Amino acid sequence: MDNTSLRHYRDKLLKRREQILAAIRHLEKESQEVTGKRHLDWVDQAADENEIRLLDRLNEGYLTELGRIEMAQRRVLSGSYGLCLGCHRPIEPARLEVSPETEFCLECQDLRERFERAV
């Protein structure tokens, strides 16, 4: 991968990382606000509990994506970014453009998903 492309994907990773961190901060604030409410009505309590569970699931998803971005950033530093972790061939540029943290080429990802469905 040439330096211009590498810099482009590195910048996309950094931008998405910042977006995720902002979203996580927002979710923490929302969770604190919901947790701070005290309702006597059981319907309101149930609604708050559901909202907290939703916020927790959203947070988990963001943390997972953040971990994938950090792993991609390490691959940038090691010089292996853009290479499939499965077959070690270059990952399709269109795939990296949509999801710069991706670890596998389309063929290897498809194989992994078919294997997971079979198990």
PDB file of N, CA and C in Angstrom:
ATOM      1  N   MET A   1       0.851  -1.179   0.000  1.00  0.00           N
ATOM      2  CA  MET A   1       0.000   0.000   0.000  1.00  0.00           C
ATOM      3  C   MET A   1       0.892   1.236   0.000  1.00  0.00           C
ATOM      4  N   ASP A   2       0.554   2.206  -0.845  1.00  0.00           N
ATOM      5  CA  ASP A   2       1.369   3.415  -0.921  1.00  0.00           C
ATOM      6  C   ASP A   2       1.102   4.322   0.289  1.00  0.00           C
ATOM      7  N   ASN A   3       2.013   5.254   0.505  1.00  0.00           N
ATOM      8  CA  ASN A   3       1.929   6.127   1.687  1.00  0.00           C
ATOM      9  C   ASN A   3       0.694   7.013   1.693  1.00  0.00           C
ATOM     10  N   THR A   4       0.252   7.468   0.534  1.00  0.00           N
ATOM     11  CA  THR A   4      -0.934   8.320   0.454  1.00  0.00           C
ATOM     12  C   THR A   4      -2.172   7.555   0.904  1.00  0.00           C
ATOM     13  N   SER A   5      -2.329   6.336   0.411  1.00  0.00           N
ATOM     14  CA  SER A   5      -3.469   5.504   0.818  1.00  0.00           C
ATOM     15  C   SER A   5      -3.402   5.176   2.297  1.00  0.00           C
ATOM     16  N   LEU A   6      -2.227   4.837   2.765  1.00  0.00           N
ATOM     17  CA  LEU A   6      -2.053   4.497   4.181  1.00  0.00           C
ATOM     18  C   LEU A   6      -2.421   5.684   5.068  1.00  0.00           C
ATOM     19  N   ARG A   7      -1.982   6.858   4.686  1.00  0.00           N
ATOM     20  CA  ARG A   7      -2.302   8.072   5.452  1.00  0.00           C
ATOM     21  C   ARG A   7      -3.821   8.322   5.430  1.00  0.00           C
ATOM     22  N   HIS A   8      -4.447   8.102   4.274  1.00  0.00           N
ATOM     23  CA  HIS A   8      -5.896   8.275   4.148  1.00  0.00           C
ATOM     24  C   HIS A   8      -6.644   7.356   5.116  1.00  0.00           C
ATOM     25  N   TYR A   9      -6.282   6.071   5.131  1.00  0.00           N
ATOM     26  CA  TYR A   9      -6.965   5.118   6.013  1.00  0.00           C
ATOM     27  C   TYR A   9      -6.637   5.383   7.480  1.00  0.00           C
ATOM     28  N   ARG A  10      -5.406   5.775   7.765  1.00  0.00           N
ATOM     29  CA  ARG A  10      -5.042   6.121   9.142  1.00  0.00           C
ATOM     30  C   ARG A  10      -5.886   7.285   9.635  1.00  0.00           C
ATOM     31  N   ASP A  11      -6.074   8.291   8.786  1.00  0.00           N
ATOM     32  CA  ASP A  11      -6.904   9.441   9.154  1.00  0.00           C
ATOM     33  C   ASP A  11      -8.357   9.026   9.372  1.00  0.00           C
ATOM     34  N   LYS A  12      -8.878   8.142   8.526  1.00  0.00           N
ATOM     35  CA  LYS A  12     -10.249   7.649   8.697  1.00  0.00           C
ATOM     36  C   LYS A  12     -10.386   6.908  10.029  1.00  0.00           C
ATOM     37  N   LEU A  13      -9.379   6.109  10.375  1.00  0.00           N
ATOM     38  CA  LEU A  13      -9.407   5.383  11.651  1.00  0.00           C
ATOM     39  C   LEU A  13      -9.404   6.354  12.825  1.00  0.00           C
ATOM     40  N   LEU A  14      -8.556   7.373  12.754  1.00  0.00           N
ATOM     41  CA  LEU A  14      -8.487   8.356  13.838  1.00  0.00           C
ATOM     42  C   LEU A  14      -9.801   9.123  13.979  1.00  0.00           C
ATOM     43  N   LYS A  15     -10.391   9.502  12.846  1.00  0.00           N
ATOM     44  CA  LYS A  15     -11.659  10.241  12.883  1.00  0.00           C
ATOM     45  C   LYS A  15     -12.762   9.376  13.493  1.00  0.00           C
ATOM     46  N   ARG A  16     -12.840   8.116  13.067  1.00  0.00           N
ATOM     47  CA  ARG A  16     -13.880   7.228  13.613  1.00  0.00           C
ATOM     48  C   ARG A  16     -13.637   6.979  15.099  1.00  0.00           C
ATOM     49  N   ARG A  17     -12.383   6.859  15.503  1.00  0.00           N
ATOM     50  CA  ARG A  17     -12.056   6.659  16.924  1.00  0.00           C
ATOM     51  C   ARG A  17     -12.584   7.829  17.749  1.00  0.00           C
ATOM     52  N   GLU A  18     -12.372   9.044  17.264  1.00  0.00           N
ATOM     53  CA  GLU A  18     -12.862  10.230  17.976  1.00  0.00           C
ATOM     54  C   GLU A  18     -14.386  10.250  18.034  1.00  0.00           C
ATOM     55  N   GLN A  19     -15.036   9.857  16.945  1.00  0.00           N
ATOM     56  CA  GLN A  19     -16.498   9.804  16.933  1.00  0.00           C
ATOM     57  C   GLN A  19     -17.013   8.794  17.968  1.00  0.00           C
ATOM     58  N   ILE A  20     -16.358   7.649  18.040  1.00  0.00           N
ATOM     59  CA  ILE A  20     -16.776   6.619  18.993  1.00  0.00           C
ATOM     60  C   ILE A  20     -16.572   7.093  20.424  1.00  0.00           C
ATOM     61  N   LEU A  21     -15.428   7.712  20.694  1.00  0.00           N
ATOM     62  CA  LEU A  21     -15.174   8.211  22.050  1.00  0.00           C
ATOM     63  C   LEU A  21     -16.215   9.255  22.446  1.00  0.00           C
ATOM     64  N   ALA A  22     -16.600  10.117  21.510  1.00  0.00           N
ATOM     65  CA  ALA A  22     -17.644  11.117  21.796  1.00  0.00           C
ATOM     66  C   ALA A  22     -18.976  10.423  22.069  1.00  0.00           C
ATOM     67  N   ALA A  23     -19.295   9.393  21.294  1.00  0.00           N
ATOM     68  CA  ALA A  23     -20.545   8.657  21.500  1.00  0.00           C
ATOM     69  C   ALA A  23     -20.546   7.958  22.849  1.00  0.00           C
ATOM     70  N   ILE A  24     -19.422   7.384  23.236  1.00  0.00           N
ATOM     71  CA  ILE A  24     -19.323   6.710  24.535  1.00  0.00           C
ATOM     72  C   ILE A  24     -19.518   7.712  25.670  1.00  0.00           C
ATOM     73  N   ARG A  25     -18.909   8.882  25.539  1.00  0.00           N
ATOM     74  CA  ARG A  25     -19.099   9.918  26.571  1.00  0.00           C
ATOM     75  C   ARG A  25     -20.572  10.313  26.666  1.00  0.00           C
ATOM     76  N   HIS A  26     -21.214  10.447  25.509  1.00  0.00           N
ATOM     77  CA  HIS A  26     -22.634  10.797  25.488  1.00  0.00           C
ATOM     78  C   HIS A  26     -23.476   9.698  26.146  1.00  0.00           C
ATOM     79  N   LEU A  27     -23.189   8.445  25.839  1.00  0.00           N
ATOM     80  CA  LEU A  27     -23.934   7.335  26.432  1.00  0.00           C
ATOM     81  C   LEU A  27     -23.752   7.293  27.947  1.00  0.00           C
ATOM     82  N   GLU A  28     -22.538   7.570  28.414  1.00  0.00           N
ATOM     83  CA  GLU A  28     -22.292   7.595  29.861  1.00  0.00           C
ATOM     84  C   GLU A  28     -23.115   8.690  30.523  1.00  0.00           C
ATOM     85  N   LYS A  29     -23.177   9.851  29.890  1.00  0.00           N
ATOM     86  CA  LYS A  29     -23.979  10.961  30.424  1.00  0.00           C
ATOM     87  C   LYS A  29     -25.458  10.576  30.472  1.00  0.00           C
ATOM     88  N   GLU A  30     -25.954   9.984  29.382  1.00  0.00           N
ATOM     89  CA  GLU A  30     -27.354   9.552  29.332  1.00  0.00           C
ATOM     90  C   GLU A  30     -27.638   8.517  30.413  1.00  0.00           C
ATOM     91  N   SER A  31     -26.737   7.584  30.582  1.00  0.00           N
ATOM     92  CA  SER A  31     -26.916   6.533  31.578  1.00  0.00           C
ATOM     93  C   SER A  31     -26.962   7.117  32.990  1.00  0.00           C
ATOM     94  N   GLN A  32     -26.101   8.085  33.261  1.00  0.00           N
ATOM     95  CA  GLN A  32     -26.103   8.732  34.574  1.00  0.00           C
ATOM     96  C   GLN A  32     -27.411   9.470  34.821  1.00  0.00           C
ATOM     97  N   GLU A  33     -27.930  10.121  33.787  1.00  0.00           N
ATOM     98  CA  GLU A  33     -29.195  10.838  33.934  1.00  0.00           C
ATOM     99  C   GLU A  33     -30.343   9.875  34.226  1.00  0.00           C
ATOM    100  N   VAL A  34     -30.377   8.763  33.519  1.00  0.00           N
ATOM    101  CA  VAL A  34     -31.447   7.787  33.733  1.00  0.00           C
ATOM    102  C   VAL A  34     -31.304   7.148  35.107  1.00  0.00           C
ATOM    103  N   THR A  35     -30.078   6.834  35.488  1.00  0.00           N
ATOM    104  CA  THR A  35     -29.828   6.196  36.786  1.00  0.00           C
ATOM    105  C   THR A  35     -30.206   7.128  37.938  1.00  0.00           C
ATOM    106  N   GLY A  36     -30.031   8.427  37.716  1.00  0.00           N
ATOM    107  CA  GLY A  36     -30.329   9.398  38.763  1.00  0.00           C
ATOM    108  C   GLY A  36     -31.805   9.643  39.000  1.00  0.00           C
ATOM    109  N   LYS A  37     -32.645   9.199  38.086  1.00  0.00           N
ATOM    110  CA  LYS A  37     -34.094   9.383  38.245  1.00  0.00           C
ATOM    111  C   LYS A  37     -34.637   8.422  39.294  1.00  0.00           C
ATOM    112  N   ARG A  38     -35.586   8.892  40.044  1.00  0.00           N
ATOM    113  CA  ARG A  38     -36.266   8.037  41.036  1.00  0.00           C
ATOM    114  C   ARG A  38     -37.765   8.110  40.781  1.00  0.00           C
ATOM    115  N   HIS A  39     -38.323   7.004  40.366  1.00  0.00           N
ATOM    116  CA  HIS A  39     -39.752   6.946  40.075  1.00  0.00           C
ATOM    117  C   HIS A  39     -40.442   6.023  41.073  1.00  0.00           C
ATOM    118  N   LEU A  40     -41.632   6.429  41.462  1.00  0.00           N
ATOM    119  CA  LEU A  40     -42.450   5.556  42.302  1.00  0.00           C
ATOM    120  C   LEU A  40     -43.302   4.633  41.442  1.00  0.00           C
ATOM    121  N   ASP A  41     -43.581   5.066  40.239  1.00  0.00           N
ATOM    122  CA  ASP A  41     -44.421   4.302  39.328  1.00  0.00           C
ATOM    123  C   ASP A  41     -43.598   3.164  38.712  1.00  0.00           C
ATOM    124  N   TRP A  42     -44.098   1.940  38.811  1.00  0.00           N
ATOM    125  CA  TRP A  42     -43.352   0.787  38.318  1.00  0.00           C
ATOM    126  C   TRP A  42     -43.190   0.820  36.802  1.00  0.00           C
ATOM    127  N   VAL A  43     -44.118   1.450  36.074  1.00  0.00           N
ATOM    128  CA  VAL A  43     -44.003   1.554  34.614  1.00  0.00           C
ATOM    129  C   VAL A  43     -42.812   2.440  34.252  1.00  0.00           C
ATOM    130  N   ASP A  44     -42.656   3.549  34.962  1.00  0.00           N
ATOM    131  CA  ASP A  44     -41.516   4.433  34.719  1.00  0.00           C
ATOM    132  C   ASP A  44     -40.204   3.749  35.092  1.00  0.00           C
ATOM    133  N   GLN A  45     -40.209   2.995  36.182  1.00  0.00           N
ATOM    134  CA  GLN A  45     -39.008   2.253  36.586  1.00  0.00           C
ATOM    135  C   GLN A  45     -38.626   1.233  35.521  1.00  0.00           C
ATOM    136  N   ALA A  46     -39.607   0.515  34.994  1.00  0.00           N
ATOM    137  CA  ALA A  46     -39.342  -0.480  33.953  1.00  0.00           C
ATOM    138  C   ALA A  46     -38.799   0.186  32.687  1.00  0.00           C
ATOM    139  N   ALA A  47     -39.358   1.328  32.331  1.00  0.00           N
ATOM    140  CA  ALA A  47     -38.879   2.050  31.154  1.00  0.00           C
ATOM    141  C   ALA A  47     -37.429   2.483  31.339  1.00  0.00           C
ATOM    142  N   ASP A  48     -37.094   2.963  32.536  1.00  0.00           N
ATOM    143  CA  ASP A  48     -35.713   3.366  32.819  1.00  0.00           C
ATOM    144  C   ASP A  48     -34.759   2.174  32.756  1.00  0.00           C
ATOM    145  N   GLU A  49     -35.185   1.044  33.296  1.00  0.00           N
ATOM    146  CA  GLU A  49     -34.341  -0.154  33.246  1.00  0.00           C
ATOM    147  C   GLU A  49     -34.104  -0.589  31.803  1.00  0.00           C
ATOM    148  N   ASN A  50     -35.143  -0.519  30.972  1.00  0.00           N
ATOM    149  CA  ASN A  50     -34.984  -0.857  29.555  1.00  0.00           C
ATOM    150  C   ASN A  50     -34.035   0.109  28.863  1.00  0.00           C
ATOM    151  N   GLU A  51     -34.157   1.381  29.188  1.00  0.00           N
ATOM    152  CA  GLU A  51     -33.274   2.379  28.581  1.00  0.00           C
ATOM    153  C   GLU A  51     -31.820   2.138  28.991  1.00  0.00           C
ATOM    154  N   ILE A  52     -31.592   1.800  30.244  1.00  0.00           N
ATOM    155  CA  ILE A  52     -30.235   1.524  30.717  1.00  0.00           C
ATOM    156  C   ILE A  52     -29.660   0.303  29.993  1.00  0.00           C
ATOM    157  N   ARG A  53     -30.485  -0.746  29.819  1.00  0.00           N
ATOM    158  CA  ARG A  53     -30.014  -1.932  29.084  1.00  0.00           C
ATOM    159  C   ARG A  53     -29.659  -1.581  27.640  1.00  0.00           C
ATOM    160  N   LEU A  54     -30.470  -0.755  27.015  1.00  0.00           N
ATOM    161  CA  LEU A  54     -30.195  -0.325  25.645  1.00  0.00           C
ATOM    162  C   LEU A  54     -28.893   0.466  25.583  1.00  0.00           C
ATOM    163  N   LEU A  55     -28.720   1.404  26.495  1.00  0.00           N
ATOM    164  CA  LEU A  55     -27.491   2.201  26.530  1.00  0.00           C
ATOM    165  C   LEU A  55     -26.273   1.312  26.751  1.00  0.00           C
ATOM    166  N   ASP A  56     -26.408   0.304  27.605  1.00  0.00           N
ATOM    167  CA  ASP A  56     -25.304  -0.630  27.847  1.00  0.00           C
ATOM    168  C   ASP A  56     -24.952  -1.415  26.586  1.00  0.00           C
ATOM    169  N   ARG A  57     -25.968  -1.873  25.845  1.00  0.00           N
ATOM    170  CA  ARG A  57     -25.712  -2.620  24.608  1.00  0.00           C
ATOM    171  C   ARG A  57     -25.054  -1.731  23.559  1.00  0.00           C
ATOM    172  N   LEU A  58     -25.508  -0.499  23.444  1.00  0.00           N
ATOM    173  CA  LEU A  58     -24.877   0.436  22.523  1.00  0.00           C
ATOM    174  C   LEU A  58     -23.421   0.674  22.897  1.00  0.00           C
ATOM    175  N   ASN A  59     -23.172   0.848  24.178  1.00  0.00           N
ATOM    176  CA  ASN A  59     -21.814   1.066  24.672  1.00  0.00           C
ATOM    177  C   ASN A  59     -20.920  -0.132  24.356  1.00  0.00           C
ATOM    178  N   GLU A  60     -21.438  -1.339  24.557  1.00  0.00           N
ATOM    179  CA  GLU A  60     -20.662  -2.543  24.253  1.00  0.00           C
ATOM    180  C   GLU A  60     -20.295  -2.595  22.775  1.00  0.00           C
ATOM    181  N   GLY A  61     -21.236  -2.246  21.912  1.00  0.00           N
ATOM    182  CA  GLY A  61     -20.962  -2.229  20.472  1.00  0.00           C
ATOM    183  C   GLY A  61     -19.873  -1.232  20.117  1.00  0.00           C
ATOM    184  N   TYR A  62     -19.944  -0.049  20.714  1.00  0.00           N
ATOM    185  CA  TYR A  62     -18.911   0.961  20.464  1.00  0.00           C
ATOM    186  C   TYR A  62     -17.553   0.508  20.990  1.00  0.00           C
ATOM    187  N   LEU A  63     -17.535  -0.124  22.153  1.00  0.00           N
ATOM    188  CA  LEU A  63     -16.258  -0.599  22.693  1.00  0.00           C
ATOM    189  C   LEU A  63     -15.649  -1.682  21.809  1.00  0.00           C
ATOM    190  N   THR A  64     -16.484  -2.545  21.253  1.00  0.00           N
ATOM    191  CA  THR A  64     -15.999  -3.576  20.334  1.00  0.00           C
ATOM    192  C   THR A  64     -15.389  -2.933  19.093  1.00  0.00           C
ATOM    193  N   GLU A  65     -16.105  -1.954  18.530  1.00  0.00           N
ATOM    194  CA  GLU A  65     -15.583  -1.259  17.346  1.00  0.00           C
ATOM    195  C   GLU A  65     -14.300  -0.511  17.670  1.00  0.00           C
ATOM    196  N   LEU A  66     -14.237   0.092  18.841  1.00  0.00           N
ATOM    197  CA  LEU A  66     -13.033   0.805  19.262  1.00  0.00           C
ATOM    198  C   LEU A  66     -11.847  -0.155  19.345  1.00  0.00           C
ATOM    199  N   GLY A  67     -12.069  -1.348  19.852  1.00  0.00           N
ATOM    200  CA  GLY A  67     -11.005  -2.353  19.917  1.00  0.00           C
ATOM    201  C   GLY A  67     -10.516  -2.738  18.528  1.00  0.00           C
ATOM    202  N   ARG A  68     -11.434  -2.878  17.578  1.00  0.00           N
ATOM    203  CA  ARG A  68     -11.049  -3.215  16.204  1.00  0.00           C
ATOM    204  C   ARG A  68     -10.247  -2.076  15.579  1.00  0.00           C
ATOM    205  N   ILE A  69     -10.613  -0.840  15.888  1.00  0.00           N
ATOM    206  CA  ILE A  69      -9.878   0.309  15.362  1.00  0.00           C
ATOM    207  C   ILE A  69      -8.473   0.352  15.945  1.00  0.00           C
ATOM    208  N   GLU A  70      -8.355   0.087  17.239  1.00  0.00           N
ATOM    209  CA  GLU A  70      -7.033   0.093  17.872  1.00  0.00           C
ATOM    210  C   GLU A  70      -6.143  -1.009  17.296  1.00  0.00           C
ATOM    211  N   MET A  71      -6.731  -2.166  16.996  1.00  0.00           N
ATOM    212  CA  MET A  71      -5.959  -3.237  16.376  1.00  0.00           C
ATOM    213  C   MET A  71      -5.502  -2.816  14.971  1.00  0.00           C
ATOM    214  N   ALA A  72      -6.376  -2.135  14.227  1.00  0.00           N
ATOM    215  CA  ALA A  72      -6.013  -1.652  12.891  1.00  0.00           C
ATOM    216  C   ALA A  72      -4.893  -0.613  12.981  1.00  0.00           C
ATOM    217  N   GLN A  73      -4.953   0.239  13.999  1.00  0.00           N
ATOM    218  CA  GLN A  73      -3.893   1.237  14.180  1.00  0.00           C
ATOM    219  C   GLN A  73      -2.549   0.560  14.474  1.00  0.00           C
ATOM    220  N   ARG A  74      -2.590  -0.531  15.216  1.00  0.00           N
ATOM    221  CA  ARG A  74      -1.350  -1.276  15.462  1.00  0.00           C
ATOM    222  C   ARG A  74      -0.818  -1.898  14.166  1.00  0.00           C
ATOM    223  N   ARG A  75      -1.737  -2.356  13.300  1.00  0.00           N
ATOM    224  CA  ARG A  75      -1.302  -2.907  12.015  1.00  0.00           C
ATOM    225  C   ARG A  75      -0.687  -1.822  11.136  1.00  0.00           C
ATOM    226  N   VAL A  76      -1.199  -0.587  11.228  1.00  0.00           N
ATOM    227  CA  VAL A  76      -0.603   0.525  10.492  1.00  0.00           C
ATOM    228  C   VAL A  76       0.838   0.704  10.950  1.00  0.00           C
ATOM    229  N   LEU A  77       1.044   0.711  12.258  1.00  0.00           N
ATOM    230  CA  LEU A  77       2.395   0.918  12.806  1.00  0.00           C
ATOM    231  C   LEU A  77       3.342  -0.223  12.463  1.00  0.00           C
ATOM    232  N   SER A  78       2.809  -1.433  12.397  1.00  0.00           N
ATOM    233  CA  SER A  78       3.673  -2.593  12.122  1.00  0.00           C
ATOM    234  C   SER A  78       3.915  -2.798  10.635  1.00  0.00           C
ATOM    235  N   GLY A  79       3.192  -2.065   9.800  1.00  0.00           N
ATOM    236  CA  GLY A  79       3.371  -2.201   8.360  1.00  0.00           C
ATOM    237  C   GLY A  79       2.527  -3.294   7.731  1.00  0.00           C
ATOM    238  N   SER A  80       1.604  -3.867   8.489  1.00  0.00           N
ATOM    239  CA  SER A  80       0.781  -4.948   7.939  1.00  0.00           C
ATOM    240  C   SER A  80      -0.647  -4.504   7.641  1.00  0.00           C
ATOM    241  N   TYR A  81      -0.915  -3.219   7.768  1.00  0.00           N
ATOM    242  CA  TYR A  81      -2.266  -2.725   7.513  1.00  0.00           C
ATOM    243  C   TYR A  81      -2.633  -2.945   6.047  1.00  0.00           C
ATOM    244  N   GLY A  82      -3.884  -3.344   5.835  1.00  0.00           N
ATOM    245  CA  GLY A  82      -4.377  -3.541   4.480  1.00  0.00           C
ATOM    246  C   GLY A  82      -4.163  -4.946   3.958  1.00  0.00           C
ATOM    247  N   LEU A  83      -3.502  -5.774   4.752  1.00  0.00           N
ATOM    248  CA  LEU A  83      -3.302  -7.170   4.370  1.00  0.00           C
ATOM    249  C   LEU A  83      -4.253  -8.039   5.170  1.00  0.00           C
ATOM    250  N   CYS A  84      -4.878  -8.979   4.494  1.00  0.00           N
ATOM    251  CA  CYS A  84      -5.832  -9.887   5.127  1.00  0.00           C
ATOM    252  C   CYS A  84      -5.130 -10.737   6.174  1.00  0.00           C
ATOM    253  N   LEU A  85      -5.737 -10.851   7.342  1.00  0.00           N
ATOM    254  CA  LEU A  85      -5.166 -11.685   8.396  1.00  0.00           C
ATOM    255  C   LEU A  85      -5.295 -13.178   8.078  1.00  0.00           C
ATOM    256  N   GLY A  86      -6.168 -13.510   7.128  1.00  0.00           N
ATOM    257  CA  GLY A  86      -6.363 -14.905   6.755  1.00  0.00           C
ATOM    258  C   GLY A  86      -5.400 -15.374   5.680  1.00  0.00           C
ATOM    259  N   CYS A  87      -5.417 -14.679   4.545  1.00  0.00           N
ATOM    260  CA  CYS A  87      -4.625 -15.135   3.392  1.00  0.00           C
ATOM    261  C   CYS A  87      -3.400 -14.262   3.122  1.00  0.00           C
ATOM    262  N   HIS A  88      -3.273 -13.142   3.819  1.00  0.00           N
ATOM    263  CA  HIS A  88      -2.146 -12.209   3.721  1.00  0.00           C
ATOM    264  C   HIS A  88      -2.069 -11.487   2.375  1.00  0.00           C
ATOM    265  N   ARG A  89      -3.158 -11.537   1.594  1.00  0.00           N
ATOM    266  CA  ARG A  89      -3.227 -10.761   0.360  1.00  0.00           C
ATOM    267  C   ARG A  89      -3.844  -9.406   0.686  1.00  0.00           C
ATOM    268  N   PRO A  90      -3.672  -8.420  -0.200  1.00  0.00           N
ATOM    269  CA  PRO A  90      -4.256  -7.099   0.059  1.00  0.00           C
ATOM    270  C   PRO A  90      -5.787  -7.164   0.152  1.00  0.00           C
ATOM    271  N   ILE A  91      -6.334  -6.428   1.099  1.00  0.00           N
ATOM    272  CA  ILE A  91      -7.781  -6.295   1.251  1.00  0.00           C
ATOM    273  C   ILE A  91      -8.256  -5.312   0.179  1.00  0.00           C
ATOM    274  N   GLU A  92      -9.411  -5.586  -0.384  1.00  0.00           N
ATOM    275  CA  GLU A  92      -9.967  -4.753  -1.441  1.00  0.00           C
ATOM    276  C   GLU A  92     -10.084  -3.301  -0.972  1.00  0.00           C
ATOM    277  N   PRO A  93      -9.600  -2.337  -1.778  1.00  0.00           N
ATOM    278  CA  PRO A  93      -9.676  -0.918  -1.392  1.00  0.00           C
ATOM    279  C   PRO A  93     -11.101  -0.453  -1.090  1.00  0.00           C
ATOM    280  N   ALA A  94     -12.084  -0.915  -1.842  1.00  0.00           N
ATOM    281  CA  ALA A  94     -13.475  -0.513  -1.585  1.00  0.00           C
ATOM    282  C   ALA A  94     -13.915  -0.983  -0.204  1.00  0.00           C
ATOM    283  N   ARG A  95     -13.457  -2.145   0.201  1.00  0.00           N
ATOM    284  CA  ARG A  95     -13.786  -2.688   1.529  1.00  0.00           C
ATOM    285  C   ARG A  95     -13.146  -1.835   2.625  1.00  0.00           C
ATOM    286  N   LEU A  96     -11.892  -1.465   2.427  1.00  0.00           N
ATOM    287  CA  LEU A  96     -11.199  -0.620   3.401  1.00  0.00           C
ATOM    288  C   LEU A  96     -11.826   0.775   3.465  1.00  0.00           C
ATOM    289  N   GLU A  97     -12.318   1.249   2.334  1.00  0.00           N
ATOM    290  CA  GLU A  97     -12.935   2.579   2.303  1.00  0.00           C
ATOM    291  C   GLU A  97     -14.190   2.608   3.175  1.00  0.00           C
ATOM    292  N   VAL A  98     -14.971   1.544   3.107  1.00  0.00           N
ATOM    293  CA  VAL A  98     -16.207   1.468   3.881  1.00  0.00           C
ATOM    294  C   VAL A  98     -15.917   1.156   5.340  1.00  0.00           C
ATOM    295  N   SER A  99     -14.985   0.264   5.570  1.00  0.00           N
ATOM    296  CA  SER A  99     -14.679  -0.192   6.930  1.00  0.00           C
ATOM    297  C   SER A  99     -13.156  -0.302   7.090  1.00  0.00           C
ATOM    298  N   PRO A 100     -12.484   0.819   7.380  1.00  0.00           N
ATOM    299  CA  PRO A 100     -11.020   0.800   7.418  1.00  0.00           C
ATOM    300  C   PRO A 100     -10.426  -0.091   8.510  1.00  0.00           C
ATOM    301  N   GLU A 101     -11.246  -0.513   9.462  1.00  0.00           N
ATOM    302  CA  GLU A 101     -10.736  -1.386  10.520  1.00  0.00           C
ATOM    303  C   GLU A 101     -10.850  -2.862  10.163  1.00  0.00           C
ATOM    304  N   THR A 102     -11.361  -3.160   8.960  1.00  0.00           N
ATOM    305  CA  THR A 102     -11.581  -4.552   8.584  1.00  0.00           C
ATOM    306  C   THR A 102     -10.273  -5.348   8.599  1.00  0.00           C
ATOM    307  N   GLU A 103     -10.389  -6.612   8.953  1.00  0.00           N
ATOM    308  CA  GLU A 103      -9.212  -7.466   9.105  1.00  0.00           C
ATOM    309  C   GLU A 103      -9.057  -8.487   7.986  1.00  0.00           C
ATOM    310  N   PHE A 104     -10.137  -8.724   7.243  1.00  0.00           N
ATOM    311  CA  PHE A 104     -10.134  -9.804   6.261  1.00  0.00           C
ATOM    312  C   PHE A 104     -10.610  -9.318   4.903  1.00  0.00           C
ATOM    313  N   CYS A 105     -10.080  -9.933   3.855  1.00  0.00           N
ATOM    314  CA  CYS A 105     -10.581  -9.665   2.518  1.00  0.00           C
ATOM    315  C   CYS A 105     -11.984 -10.267   2.411  1.00  0.00           C
ATOM    316  N   LEU A 106     -12.686  -9.919   1.369  1.00  0.00           N
ATOM    317  CA  LEU A 106     -14.061 -10.376   1.199  1.00  0.00           C
ATOM    318  C   LEU A 106     -14.152 -11.899   1.156  1.00  0.00           C
ATOM    319  N   GLU A 107     -13.241 -12.531   0.460  1.00  0.00           N
ATOM    320  CA  GLU A 107     -13.263 -13.989   0.336  1.00  0.00           C
ATOM    321  C   GLU A 107     -13.060 -14.669   1.699  1.00  0.00           C
ATOM    322  N   CYS A 108     -12.089 -14.223   2.461  1.00  0.00           N
ATOM    323  CA  CYS A 108     -11.831 -14.821   3.781  1.00  0.00           C
ATOM    324  C   CYS A 108     -12.964 -14.517   4.761  1.00  0.00           C
ATOM    325  N   GLN A 109     -13.528 -13.308   4.698  1.00  0.00           N
ATOM    326  CA  GLN A 109     -14.647 -12.967   5.574  1.00  0.00           C
ATOM    327  C   GLN A 109     -15.848 -13.845   5.258  1.00  0.00           C
ATOM    328  N   ASP A 110     -16.103 -14.056   3.973  1.00  0.00           N
ATOM    329  CA  ASP A 110     -17.205 -14.921   3.568  1.00  0.00           C
ATOM    330  C   ASP A 110     -16.990 -16.340   4.089  1.00  0.00           C
ATOM    331  N   LEU A 111     -15.777 -16.835   3.976  1.00  0.00           N
ATOM    332  CA  LEU A 111     -15.450 -18.177   4.470  1.00  0.00           C
ATOM    333  C   LEU A 111     -15.662 -18.264   5.982  1.00  0.00           C
ATOM    334  N   ARG A 112     -15.225 -17.250   6.709  1.00  0.00           N
ATOM    335  CA  ARG A 112     -15.409 -17.216   8.169  1.00  0.00           C
ATOM    336  C   ARG A 112     -16.893 -17.229   8.538  1.00  0.00           C
ATOM    337  N   GLU A 113     -17.683 -16.436   7.835  1.00  0.00           N
ATOM    338  CA  GLU A 113     -19.116 -16.364   8.148  1.00  0.00           C
ATOM    339  C   GLU A 113     -19.818 -17.677   7.823  1.00  0.00           C
ATOM    340  N   ARG A 114     -19.446 -18.314   6.729  1.00  0.00           N
ATOM    341  CA  ARG A 114     -20.058 -19.608   6.411  1.00  0.00           C
ATOM    342  C   ARG A 114     -19.682 -20.655   7.451  1.00  0.00           C
ATOM    343  N   PHE A 115     -18.450 -20.623   7.924  1.00  0.00           N
ATOM    344  CA  PHE A 115     -18.006 -21.550   8.950  1.00  0.00           C
ATOM    345  C   PHE A 115     -18.772 -21.324  10.252  1.00  0.00           C
ATOM    346  N   GLU A 116     -18.938 -20.046  10.642  1.00  0.00           N
ATOM    347  CA  GLU A 116     -19.672 -19.729  11.878  1.00  0.00           C
ATOM    348  C   GLU A 116     -21.120 -20.180  11.805  1.00  0.00           C
ATOM    349  N   ARG A 117     -21.744 -20.041  10.631  1.00  0.00           N
ATOM    350  CA  ARG A 117     -23.121 -20.501  10.483  1.00  0.00           C
ATOM    351  C   ARG A 117     -23.216 -22.017  10.561  1.00  0.00           C
ATOM    352  N   ALA A 118     -22.188 -22.701  10.106  1.00  0.00           N
ATOM    353  CA  ALA A 118     -22.212 -24.166  10.095  1.00  0.00           C
ATOM    354  C   ALA A 118     -21.995 -24.750  11.482  1.00  0.00           C
ATOM    355  N   VAL A 119     -21.357 -23.994  12.353  1.00  0.00           N
ATOM    356  CA  VAL A 119     -21.045 -24.491  13.698  1.00  0.00           C
ATOM    357  C   VAL A 119     -22.213 -24.401  14.623  1.00  0.00           C
TER     358      VAL A 119
END
